[in-house]
Amino acid sequence: MNGTRTTADRVLILGGGLAGVACARRLGDEGVDVVLVDRNDYHQFQPLLYQVASSQLPAEDIARPHRVIFADYPSVTLVTAQVSAATLSPPGLVLSDGQTLTGSHLVLAAGARPNFFGVPGAAEHAFPLYSVADAERLRLHLQRLLQEAMAGRGTGEPGALDVVVVGGGPTGVETTGALAELMQALQSTGRLDPAGKITIVDRSSSLLGPFSRKAHDYALGKLVEAGADVKLEVGVTAVHPDRVEFDDKTTIPARTVVWGGGESGSAVAQTLGPVLGRGGRLDVRPDLTVDGCPGVYAVGDVANIPSGDEGAPTLPQLGSVAQQSGRWAAENILRERGQKPAKPFRYKDKGIMAMIGRNAAIAEVGKHRHQVEGPLAFAAWLGVHAMLLSGTHSKTDAFLTWAWDYFDRDHAAIVEVSSVPRRIAWGGDDEDVPHISLDRPQPADGPAVT
């Protein structure tokens, strides 16, 4: 049905990720009328996407239906729909079916999308890793190649099982570590000989750029130990179905390219009037509002959020930043409704951390970025992720049990390429499952909410 649906005093939230869910829950706690709009009917826990891609977790375990999260929030209305545009004055959302939703406030929490930087063939042939559907597409692709090879039906072409991972940040490093361990395990048990080679490439001179030099060396050593190749200070110039070309004039045969080489604000941000800032994201004021647009907030990965320290760069695109900024936006909306001034966002830094493989993790915690490795780093990783998950799961002990078991095993991981991966025993209702569509997203300049 076309037309405009309006409620003067309600809050519209675009995006049901960490930021959007945190915002909606806080407002729902106070009985505020909220409409949460997302093209998916589930919340996806992005920090564990690499686990899905490497068949160590089923996609359903990190995709929590919104209806379950908000079952006890009668003032939160869920709308599963594509959004073709957002309007800032008045705050509103235009749905793909022609409906327009308006309200007193709009919270843009639409997340990010992959940035292919114009590399020829990357959008067509690479596998991004920014959503549950992305991870599941990559898992099924790798599963097919591995099953064919183990059954003797593989093509035997150079690079048939090889993988190139583009991007040396946490996503790239974690994915490389998981896939390298998979290949190593399959070969050591005689299921594949030879196994595929995993190569990680980055333009910078080190992996995990925001971390310390010691962390760079640790990550490099652990990946090499797992059998991965590391290619630094080299950029990708083209991606083909069967090979990757680099700016040092070399080529690597590979039928699988994982793209973790950067992200930009979601496509819906491109429909807005303000000039976008760094990374194609919305620059926001210290209180998280969009400058010159009363009642409009931008949070999470769609926003460049000031750190609060003069001269410091904006905050990184982390789950903890997204969740805290979403909740802070809700608090400021509540202040506005109470005729009180909004407050500048203050981020409580949980540190930065990465899982490089089983028994290999690294974290830098505290104000002075104290570095820890191994079990202590994993404990920090576990604590932060458990806190993030607590916003979508009523209990996280199942996650804690699964994760400690994952980290503490002495034997190499045998990823189940021919069966369903081991599940986290959440103990939820089997009927409460997300509807995950593997349809390819719209082109990068399309109107999809990501």
Protein backbone atom coordinates (compact mmCIF):
# COMPACT_ATOMS: atom_id res chain seq x y z
CA MET A 1 0.00 0.00 0.00
CA ASN A 2 1.45 3.33 -1.04
CA GLY A 3 1.21 6.43 1.11
CA THR A 4 2.61 7.98 4.24
CA ARG A 5 2.39 6.48 7.69
CA THR A 6 3.24 8.98 10.40
CA THR A 7 3.26 9.16 14.15
CA ALA A 8 4.55 12.46 15.40
CA ASP A 9 6.25 11.22 18.54
CA ARG A 10 7.86 7.97 17.43
CA VAL A 11 11.51 7.16 16.78
CA LEU A 12 12.55 5.56 13.49
CA ILE A 13 15.66 3.36 13.59
CA LEU A 14 17.21 2.23 10.32
CA GLY A 15 19.28 -0.92 10.82
CA GLY A 16 18.98 -3.86 13.20
CA GLY A 17 22.65 -4.46 13.95
CA LEU A 18 24.51 -3.82 17.20
CA ALA A 19 23.90 -0.06 17.11
CA GLY A 20 20.25 -0.19 16.08
CA VAL A 21 19.32 -2.95 18.51
CA ALA A 22 21.06 -1.20 21.42
CA CYS A 23 19.20 2.03 20.62
CA ALA A 24 15.82 0.34 20.26
CA ARG A 25 16.20 -1.67 23.47
CA ARG A 26 17.09 1.39 25.53
CA LEU A 27 14.16 3.38 24.16
CA GLY A 28 11.90 0.36 24.56
CA ASP A 29 12.91 0.14 28.21
CA GLU A 30 11.21 3.52 28.65
CA GLY A 31 8.15 2.62 26.60
CA VAL A 32 9.03 4.95 23.73
CA ASP A 33 7.24 4.22 20.45
CA VAL A 34 9.96 2.82 18.16
CA VAL A 35 9.89 1.50 14.59
CA LEU A 36 12.96 -0.60 13.74
CA VAL A 37 13.43 -1.09 9.99
CA ASP A 38 15.83 -3.60 8.42
CA ARG A 39 15.80 -5.59 5.21
CA ASN A 40 16.57 -8.73 7.26
CA ASP A 41 14.43 -10.17 10.04
CA TYR A 42 17.48 -10.87 12.18
CA HIS A 43 20.41 -9.29 13.96
CA GLN A 44 23.81 -10.55 12.79
CA PHE A 45 26.81 -10.82 15.08
CA GLN A 46 29.56 -9.71 12.73
CA PRO A 47 32.62 -10.56 14.88
CA LEU A 48 31.99 -14.27 14.25
CA LEU A 49 31.44 -14.14 10.48
CA TYR A 50 34.82 -15.75 9.84
CA GLN A 51 33.67 -18.73 11.94
CA VAL A 52 30.70 -19.21 9.61
CA ALA A 53 32.84 -18.80 6.49
CA SER A 54 35.26 -21.51 7.68
CA SER A 55 32.42 -23.92 8.64
CA GLN A 56 33.12 -23.75 12.36
CA LEU A 57 29.68 -22.30 13.13
CA PRO A 58 26.35 -22.49 11.27
CA ALA A 59 25.02 -19.15 10.07
CA GLU A 60 21.92 -19.46 12.24
CA ASP A 61 24.03 -19.33 15.41
CA ILE A 62 25.10 -15.74 14.82
CA ALA A 63 21.82 -14.50 13.33
CA ARG A 64 19.27 -13.79 16.06
CA PRO A 65 15.67 -13.03 14.91
CA HIS A 66 14.55 -9.52 15.82
CA ARG A 67 11.20 -10.86 16.94
CA VAL A 68 12.98 -12.88 19.64
CA ILE A 69 15.16 -9.98 20.78
CA PHE A 70 12.15 -7.67 21.12
CA ALA A 71 9.58 -10.20 22.31
CA ASP A 72 9.25 -8.32 25.61
CA TYR A 73 9.24 -4.82 24.08
CA PRO A 74 5.64 -4.00 23.13
CA SER A 75 6.51 -0.43 22.13
CA VAL A 76 9.01 -1.60 19.46
CA THR A 77 7.48 -2.30 16.04
CA LEU A 78 9.56 -4.34 13.58
CA VAL A 79 9.41 -3.64 9.84
CA THR A 80 11.26 -5.98 7.48
CA ALA A 81 11.64 -4.02 4.26
CA GLN A 82 14.06 -2.52 1.80
CA VAL A 83 14.64 1.20 2.23
CA SER A 84 15.13 3.19 -0.95
CA ALA A 85 15.96 6.51 0.72
CA ALA A 86 16.12 8.36 4.01
CA THR A 87 15.01 11.95 4.52
CA LEU A 88 16.49 14.28 7.10
CA SER A 89 13.88 17.02 7.23
CA PRO A 90 11.44 15.83 8.31
CA PRO A 91 13.06 12.64 9.64
CA GLY A 92 11.74 9.81 7.51
CA LEU A 93 12.31 6.60 5.57
CA VAL A 94 11.06 5.78 2.09
CA LEU A 95 10.42 2.07 1.66
CA SER A 96 10.83 0.28 -1.65
CA ASP A 97 7.06 -0.31 -1.87
CA GLY A 98 6.43 3.43 -1.86
CA GLN A 99 5.48 3.85 1.78
CA THR A 100 7.04 6.70 3.74
CA LEU A 101 7.56 6.43 7.49
CA THR A 102 8.06 9.61 9.48
CA GLY A 103 8.59 10.40 13.13
CA SER A 104 10.05 12.84 15.59
CA HIS A 105 13.54 11.28 15.41
CA LEU A 106 15.55 9.21 12.97
CA VAL A 107 18.51 7.06 14.03
CA LEU A 108 20.66 5.96 11.10
CA ALA A 109 22.32 2.67 12.09
CA ALA A 110 22.47 1.16 8.62
CA GLY A 111 26.00 -0.21 8.93
CA ALA A 112 28.59 -0.58 6.19
CA ARG A 113 29.16 -2.23 2.84
CA PRO A 114 32.36 -3.48 1.18
CA ASN A 115 34.52 -0.92 -0.57
CA PHE A 116 36.22 -2.44 -3.62
CA PHE A 117 38.06 0.81 -4.44
CA GLY A 118 37.32 0.38 -8.14
CA VAL A 119 39.51 -2.73 -8.48
CA PRO A 120 38.42 -4.42 -11.73
CA GLY A 121 36.60 -7.69 -11.13
CA ALA A 122 36.55 -7.41 -7.33
CA ALA A 123 32.81 -6.77 -7.00
CA GLU A 124 32.01 -9.58 -9.45
CA HIS A 125 34.43 -12.30 -8.32
CA ALA A 126 35.53 -11.63 -4.74
CA PHE A 127 33.65 -12.74 -1.63
CA PRO A 128 33.15 -9.88 0.83
CA LEU A 129 32.72 -10.77 4.49
CA TYR A 130 30.39 -8.16 5.95
CA SER A 131 27.15 -10.10 6.52
CA VAL A 132 25.84 -13.54 7.45
CA ALA A 133 24.79 -14.08 3.84
CA ASP A 134 28.31 -13.17 2.69
CA ALA A 135 29.82 -15.70 5.09
CA GLU A 136 27.37 -18.44 4.09
CA ARG A 137 28.02 -17.88 0.37
CA LEU A 138 31.76 -18.19 0.99
CA ARG A 139 31.28 -21.32 3.13
CA LEU A 140 29.22 -23.07 0.46
CA HIS A 141 31.71 -22.10 -2.25
CA LEU A 142 34.67 -23.49 -0.30
CA GLN A 143 32.71 -26.56 0.76
CA ARG A 144 31.96 -27.40 -2.86
CA LEU A 145 35.59 -27.02 -3.93
CA LEU A 146 36.87 -29.12 -1.02
CA GLN A 147 34.29 -31.87 -1.47
CA GLU A 148 35.10 -32.11 -5.19
CA ALA A 149 38.82 -32.32 -4.45
CA MET A 150 38.43 -34.97 -1.73
CA ALA A 151 36.18 -37.02 -4.02
CA GLY A 152 38.71 -36.76 -6.85
CA ARG A 153 36.39 -34.63 -8.95
CA GLY A 154 38.45 -31.45 -8.74
CA THR A 155 39.73 -29.72 -11.85
CA GLY A 156 43.37 -30.02 -10.86
CA GLU A 157 43.95 -26.52 -12.18
CA PRO A 158 46.57 -24.36 -10.44
CA GLY A 159 44.96 -22.49 -7.55
CA ALA A 160 41.80 -24.63 -7.51
CA LEU A 161 41.86 -24.76 -3.69
CA ASP A 162 44.00 -21.69 -3.04
CA VAL A 163 42.54 -18.64 -1.33
CA VAL A 164 43.67 -15.01 -1.45
CA VAL A 165 42.50 -12.86 1.47
CA VAL A 166 42.63 -9.13 0.72
CA GLY A 167 43.09 -6.93 3.78
CA GLY A 168 45.37 -7.28 6.80
CA GLY A 169 42.97 -6.00 9.45
CA PRO A 170 41.24 -8.20 12.06
CA THR A 171 38.75 -9.63 9.54
CA GLY A 172 41.49 -10.63 7.12
CA VAL A 173 43.81 -12.00 9.80
CA GLU A 174 41.10 -14.02 11.55
CA THR A 175 39.83 -15.45 8.27
CA THR A 176 43.35 -16.30 7.11
CA GLY A 177 44.15 -18.05 10.38
CA ALA A 178 40.96 -20.14 10.32
CA LEU A 179 41.34 -21.18 6.67
CA ALA A 180 45.07 -21.93 7.01
CA GLU A 181 44.38 -24.20 9.98
CA LEU A 182 41.62 -25.90 7.99
CA MET A 183 43.92 -26.65 5.07
CA GLN A 184 46.72 -27.77 7.37
CA ALA A 185 44.37 -30.15 9.20
CA LEU A 186 42.90 -31.62 6.02
CA GLN A 187 46.37 -32.34 4.70
CA SER A 188 47.78 -33.75 7.95
CA THR A 189 44.88 -36.23 8.18
CA GLY A 190 45.30 -37.35 4.59
CA ARG A 191 42.00 -35.97 3.35
CA LEU A 192 43.73 -33.58 0.94
CA ASP A 193 47.19 -33.76 -0.58
CA PRO A 194 48.17 -31.14 -1.36
CA ALA A 195 45.81 -28.77 0.41
CA GLY A 196 45.10 -25.23 -0.69
CA LYS A 197 47.46 -22.37 0.04
CA ILE A 198 46.10 -19.34 1.90
CA THR A 199 47.67 -15.97 1.06
CA ILE A 200 46.89 -12.70 2.84
CA VAL A 201 47.76 -9.44 1.10
CA ASP A 202 47.77 -5.84 2.29
CA ARG A 203 49.13 -2.54 0.99
CA SER A 204 50.63 -1.63 4.35
CA SER A 205 53.92 -2.88 5.78
CA SER A 206 52.29 -4.88 8.58
CA LEU A 207 49.24 -6.86 9.62
CA LEU A 208 46.77 -5.50 12.18
CA GLY A 209 47.76 -1.91 11.48
CA PRO A 210 46.14 -0.24 14.56
CA PHE A 211 48.02 -2.62 16.87
CA SER A 212 51.58 -2.30 18.18
CA ARG A 213 54.69 -3.47 16.34
CA LYS A 214 54.94 -6.40 18.75
CA ALA A 215 51.42 -7.41 17.79
CA HIS A 216 52.30 -7.11 14.11
CA ASP A 217 55.16 -9.55 14.59
CA TYR A 218 53.01 -11.91 16.65
CA ALA A 219 50.27 -12.07 14.03
CA LEU A 220 52.79 -12.58 11.23
CA GLY A 221 54.53 -15.38 13.09
CA LYS A 222 51.30 -17.20 13.94
CA LEU A 223 49.95 -17.05 10.40
CA VAL A 224 53.22 -18.29 8.90
CA GLU A 225 53.27 -21.06 11.51
CA ALA A 226 49.79 -22.08 10.36
CA GLY A 227 51.06 -22.33 6.78
CA ALA A 228 49.80 -19.06 5.34
CA ASP A 229 51.73 -16.83 2.96
CA VAL A 230 51.86 -13.12 3.83
CA LYS A 231 52.23 -10.56 1.04
CA LEU A 232 52.72 -7.00 2.33
CA GLU A 233 53.22 -3.59 0.67
CA VAL A 234 51.42 -4.89 -2.39
CA GLY A 235 48.04 -3.89 -3.78
CA VAL A 236 45.49 -5.80 -5.84
CA THR A 237 45.03 -4.49 -9.38
CA ALA A 238 42.49 -7.01 -10.72
CA VAL A 239 40.44 -10.01 -9.62
CA HIS A 240 39.55 -12.74 -12.12
CA PRO A 241 37.56 -15.98 -11.64
CA ASP A 242 40.81 -17.97 -11.54
CA ARG A 243 43.56 -15.52 -10.48
CA VAL A 244 44.49 -12.29 -8.73
CA GLU A 245 46.83 -9.65 -10.17
CA PHE A 246 49.00 -7.34 -8.04
CA ASP A 247 50.74 -4.04 -8.59
CA ASP A 248 54.17 -5.68 -8.27
CA LYS A 249 53.37 -7.43 -11.58
CA THR A 250 52.87 -10.83 -9.93
CA THR A 251 49.83 -13.08 -10.24
CA ILE A 252 48.45 -15.75 -7.90
CA PRO A 253 46.17 -18.46 -9.31
CA ALA A 254 43.11 -18.71 -7.05
CA ARG A 255 39.43 -19.48 -7.45
CA THR A 256 38.57 -17.95 -4.09
CA VAL A 257 39.21 -14.33 -3.11
CA VAL A 258 37.99 -13.07 0.26
CA TRP A 259 37.60 -9.29 0.36
CA GLY A 260 38.29 -7.62 3.68
CA GLY A 261 40.05 -4.68 2.10
CA GLY A 262 37.86 -1.87 3.40
CA GLU A 263 34.33 -0.69 3.94
CA SER A 264 32.24 2.40 3.43
CA GLY A 265 28.93 3.65 4.78
CA SER A 266 25.86 1.77 3.61
CA ALA A 267 24.25 2.63 0.29
CA VAL A 268 21.34 4.43 1.91
CA ALA A 269 23.79 7.03 3.24
CA GLN A 270 24.45 8.02 -0.34
CA THR A 271 20.82 9.15 -0.70
CA LEU A 272 21.19 11.83 1.96
CA GLY A 273 21.88 15.50 1.39
CA PRO A 274 24.99 16.07 3.56
CA VAL A 275 28.38 15.63 1.95
CA LEU A 276 29.77 12.32 3.18
CA GLY A 277 33.00 12.21 5.13
CA ARG A 278 35.89 9.76 5.22
CA GLY A 279 34.98 6.26 4.11
CA GLY A 280 31.66 7.36 2.63
CA ARG A 281 30.26 7.74 6.15
CA LEU A 282 28.27 10.50 7.78
CA ASP A 283 30.22 12.96 9.90
CA VAL A 284 28.40 13.52 13.17
CA ARG A 285 28.59 16.04 15.97
CA PRO A 286 29.91 15.03 19.41
CA ASP A 287 26.33 14.27 20.53
CA LEU A 288 25.95 11.90 17.51
CA THR A 289 23.52 14.14 15.61
CA VAL A 290 23.93 15.00 11.95
CA ASP A 291 24.91 18.66 11.71
CA GLY A 292 22.00 20.90 10.77
CA CYS A 293 19.44 18.09 11.05
CA PRO A 294 17.61 18.27 14.40
CA GLY A 295 16.35 14.90 15.57
CA VAL A 296 18.61 12.89 13.24
CA TYR A 297 21.36 10.69 14.68
CA ALA A 298 23.95 8.49 12.94
CA VAL A 299 25.64 5.69 14.87
CA GLY A 300 27.79 2.63 14.32
CA ASP A 301 29.58 1.89 11.05
CA VAL A 302 27.57 4.40 9.00
CA ALA A 303 29.06 7.29 11.02
CA ASN A 304 32.40 8.98 11.62
CA ILE A 305 32.15 9.39 15.39
CA PRO A 306 34.47 11.88 17.12
CA SER A 307 36.74 10.31 19.72
CA GLY A 308 36.31 13.19 22.14
CA ASP A 309 40.04 13.88 22.25
CA GLU A 310 41.19 16.98 20.45
CA GLY A 311 43.22 16.15 17.36
CA ALA A 312 42.52 12.41 17.65
CA PRO A 313 41.02 10.51 14.70
CA THR A 314 37.42 9.37 14.70
CA LEU A 315 36.59 6.14 16.48
CA PRO A 316 37.20 2.87 14.62
CA GLN A 317 34.45 0.67 13.21
CA LEU A 318 34.19 -1.76 16.13
CA GLY A 319 31.26 -3.63 17.60
CA SER A 320 31.73 -1.98 20.98
CA VAL A 321 31.67 1.48 19.37
CA ALA A 322 28.49 0.61 17.51
CA GLN A 323 26.71 -0.75 20.55
CA GLN A 324 27.72 2.10 22.86
CA SER A 325 26.89 4.80 20.30
CA GLY A 326 23.46 3.28 19.68
CA ARG A 327 22.65 3.31 23.36
CA TRP A 328 24.03 6.85 23.75
CA ALA A 329 21.83 8.12 20.93
CA ALA A 330 18.84 6.64 22.76
CA GLU A 331 19.89 8.38 25.98
CA ASN A 332 20.13 11.70 24.13
CA ILE A 333 16.70 11.20 22.61
CA LEU A 334 15.34 10.56 26.10
CA ARG A 335 17.04 13.74 27.28
CA GLU A 336 15.45 15.70 24.44
CA ARG A 337 12.04 14.31 25.34
CA GLY A 338 12.66 15.43 28.93
CA GLN A 339 13.61 18.94 27.78
CA LYS A 340 17.24 18.38 28.75
CA PRO A 341 20.35 19.09 26.66
CA ALA A 342 22.03 16.25 24.80
CA LYS A 343 25.45 15.11 25.98
CA PRO A 344 28.63 14.45 23.94
CA PHE A 345 29.36 10.77 23.39
CA ARG A 346 31.98 9.26 25.65
CA TYR A 347 33.32 5.91 24.49
CA LYS A 348 34.46 3.36 27.07
CA ASP A 349 37.40 1.77 25.31
CA LYS A 350 37.42 -2.02 25.61
CA GLY A 351 40.67 -2.34 23.69
CA ILE A 352 41.40 -3.98 20.36
CA MET A 353 41.79 -7.69 19.86
CA ALA A 354 41.93 -10.43 17.27
CA MET A 355 41.73 -14.21 17.13
CA ILE A 356 44.52 -15.45 14.89
CA GLY A 357 43.73 -19.13 15.31
CA ARG A 358 43.18 -21.78 17.93
CA ASN A 359 45.41 -21.08 20.91
CA ALA A 360 46.47 -17.83 19.27
CA ALA A 361 44.88 -14.52 20.18
CA ILE A 362 46.14 -11.03 20.81
CA ALA A 363 44.65 -8.08 22.67
CA GLU A 364 45.69 -4.56 23.61
CA VAL A 365 43.67 -3.37 26.59
CA GLY A 366 43.57 -0.38 28.89
CA LYS A 367 44.37 3.27 28.36
CA HIS A 368 48.01 2.53 27.58
CA ARG A 369 47.20 -0.45 25.36
CA HIS A 370 48.81 -3.16 27.47
CA GLN A 371 49.41 -6.13 25.20
CA VAL A 372 48.53 -9.71 26.13
CA GLU A 373 48.73 -12.87 24.06
CA GLY A 374 47.42 -16.43 24.17
CA PRO A 375 44.87 -17.42 26.86
CA LEU A 376 44.83 -13.99 28.52
CA ALA A 377 44.14 -12.31 25.19
CA PHE A 378 41.44 -14.84 24.47
CA ALA A 379 39.85 -14.13 27.85
CA ALA A 380 39.71 -10.43 26.91
CA TRP A 381 38.26 -11.30 23.49
CA LEU A 382 35.71 -13.55 25.16
CA GLY A 383 34.64 -10.93 27.71
CA VAL A 384 34.07 -8.22 25.12
CA HIS A 385 32.15 -10.52 22.79
CA ALA A 386 30.02 -11.88 25.62
CA MET A 387 29.04 -8.32 26.55
CA LEU A 388 28.15 -7.55 22.95
CA LEU A 389 26.09 -10.73 22.68
CA SER A 390 24.24 -10.00 25.91
CA GLY A 391 22.23 -7.41 24.02
CA THR A 392 20.69 -10.09 21.81
CA HIS A 393 20.81 -13.30 23.86
CA SER A 394 19.24 -13.71 27.28
CA LYS A 395 22.08 -16.03 28.26
CA THR A 396 25.66 -16.21 27.03
CA ASP A 397 26.94 -19.20 28.99
CA ALA A 398 26.45 -21.39 25.90
CA PHE A 399 28.69 -19.04 23.94
CA LEU A 400 31.31 -19.05 26.69
CA THR A 401 31.33 -22.84 26.83
CA TRP A 402 31.60 -23.17 23.06
CA ALA A 403 34.33 -20.56 22.78
CA TRP A 404 36.54 -21.99 25.52
CA ASP A 405 36.24 -25.41 23.94
CA TYR A 406 37.17 -23.93 20.58
CA PHE A 407 40.20 -22.13 21.95
CA ASP A 408 41.47 -24.82 24.30
CA ARG A 409 41.60 -27.85 22.03
CA ASP A 410 45.04 -29.34 21.57
CA HIS A 411 44.33 -30.97 18.22
CA ALA A 412 43.96 -29.20 14.89
CA ALA A 413 40.52 -28.20 13.68
CA ILE A 414 38.85 -30.51 11.22
CA VAL A 415 36.24 -28.29 9.63
CA GLU A 416 33.21 -30.32 8.70
CA VAL A 417 33.11 -29.79 4.97
CA SER A 418 30.45 -32.44 4.42
CA SER A 419 28.11 -31.91 7.35
CA VAL A 420 26.53 -29.27 9.53
CA PRO A 421 29.09 -27.38 11.69
CA ARG A 422 28.99 -27.79 15.46
CA ARG A 423 26.41 -25.51 17.03
CA ILE A 424 26.44 -23.23 20.02
CA ALA A 425 23.86 -24.79 22.36
CA TRP A 426 21.83 -21.61 22.91
CA GLY A 427 18.87 -23.61 24.15
CA GLY A 428 16.38 -21.44 22.28
CA ASP A 429 13.19 -22.42 20.51
CA ASP A 430 13.98 -24.27 17.28
CA GLU A 431 11.22 -22.31 15.56
CA ASP A 432 12.96 -19.03 16.29
CA VAL A 433 15.21 -19.16 13.25
CA PRO A 434 16.25 -16.30 10.97
CA HIS A 435 15.33 -16.19 7.31
CA ILE A 436 18.73 -15.90 5.65
CA SER A 437 18.59 -15.15 1.95
CA LEU A 438 21.68 -15.84 -0.15
CA ASP A 439 20.50 -13.66 -3.01
CA ARG A 440 23.26 -11.38 -4.17
CA PRO A 441 22.91 -7.81 -2.83
CA GLN A 442 22.18 -4.93 -5.14
CA PRO A 443 25.12 -3.18 -6.83
CA ALA A 444 27.29 -0.90 -4.73
CA ASP A 445 25.41 2.19 -5.88
CA GLY A 446 21.99 0.64 -5.26
CA PRO A 447 19.58 1.51 -2.46
CA ALA A 448 20.02 -1.58 -0.29
CA VAL A 449 20.41 -1.19 3.46
CA THR A 450 23.51 -3.10 4.54
